[in-house]
């Protein structure tokens, strides 16, 4: 299960879902994981902090003209 959005930042929610609800691994989404970026231009700690909030934004940014 992948969590994204503001609630995914709650460590207790992740642990609760893993332990009590589904008994399978739960991971917080990091849409920047496969994207190369300049660490001089972008603060890696900040990107890690906002990553779960940026799933839709990164997905839209990766689209090409004509994608539906």
Protein backbone atom coordinates (compact mmCIF):
# COMPACT_ATOMS: atom_id res chain seq x y z
CA UNK A 1 0.00 0.00 0.00
CA UNK A 2 1.30 3.44 -0.90
CA UNK A 3 0.28 6.50 1.12
CA UNK A 4 0.36 10.04 -0.23
CA UNK A 5 -1.00 13.43 0.77
CA UNK A 6 -0.90 15.22 4.09
CA UNK A 7 -2.09 12.32 6.26
CA UNK A 8 0.75 10.15 4.97
CA UNK A 9 3.13 12.28 7.04
CA UNK A 10 1.62 10.77 10.20
CA UNK A 11 3.92 7.93 11.23
CA UNK A 12 1.23 6.53 13.51
CA UNK A 13 -1.20 6.17 10.58
CA UNK A 14 1.35 4.17 8.58
CA UNK A 15 2.09 1.92 11.56
CA UNK A 16 -1.61 1.45 12.32
CA UNK A 17 -2.43 0.37 8.77
CA UNK A 18 0.53 -2.03 8.66
CA UNK A 19 -0.06 -3.63 12.04
CA UNK A 20 -3.82 -3.64 12.53
CA UNK A 21 -5.56 -3.29 9.19
CA UNK A 22 -3.80 -5.17 6.41
CA UNK A 23 -0.68 -6.82 7.85
CA UNK A 24 1.31 -5.94 4.70
CA UNK A 25 4.01 -3.31 4.12
CA UNK A 26 2.90 0.31 3.80
CA UNK A 27 5.16 2.87 2.13
CA UNK A 28 4.97 6.64 1.88
CA UNK A 29 5.16 7.77 -1.76
CA UNK A 30 8.23 9.67 -2.93
CA UNK A 31 7.57 10.81 -6.50
CA UNK A 32 11.02 12.41 -6.62
CA UNK A 33 12.79 9.06 -6.11
CA UNK A 34 13.35 8.44 -9.82
CA UNK A 35 14.02 12.04 -10.79
CA UNK A 36 17.54 13.47 -11.01
CA UNK A 37 17.92 17.00 -9.67
CA UNK A 38 20.72 19.36 -8.74
CA UNK A 39 21.36 19.36 -5.01
CA UNK A 40 22.80 22.86 -5.45
CA UNK A 41 19.48 24.11 -6.80
CA UNK A 42 17.14 22.09 -4.55
CA UNK A 43 17.34 21.26 -0.85
CA UNK A 44 17.12 17.45 -0.62
CA UNK A 45 15.70 17.57 2.94
CA UNK A 46 12.89 19.87 1.81
CA UNK A 47 12.09 17.65 -1.18
CA UNK A 48 11.94 14.62 1.12
CA UNK A 49 9.59 16.51 3.44
CA UNK A 50 7.16 17.61 0.70
CA UNK A 51 7.42 14.48 -1.47
CA UNK A 52 4.19 12.82 -0.24
CA UNK A 53 2.31 16.02 -1.03
CA UNK A 54 3.64 16.23 -4.59
CA UNK A 55 2.48 12.94 -6.17
CA UNK A 56 -0.18 14.54 -8.40
CA UNK A 57 2.01 17.53 -9.26
CA UNK A 58 4.93 15.36 -10.38
CA UNK A 59 2.59 13.07 -12.32
CA UNK A 60 1.13 16.02 -14.21
CA UNK A 61 4.58 17.50 -14.85
CA UNK A 62 5.71 14.24 -16.46
CA UNK A 63 2.87 14.22 -18.98
CA UNK A 64 3.49 14.87 -22.64
CA UNK A 65 1.42 16.79 -25.14
CA UNK A 66 -1.51 14.66 -26.20
CA UNK A 67 -1.57 12.44 -23.08
CA UNK A 68 -5.03 11.71 -21.77
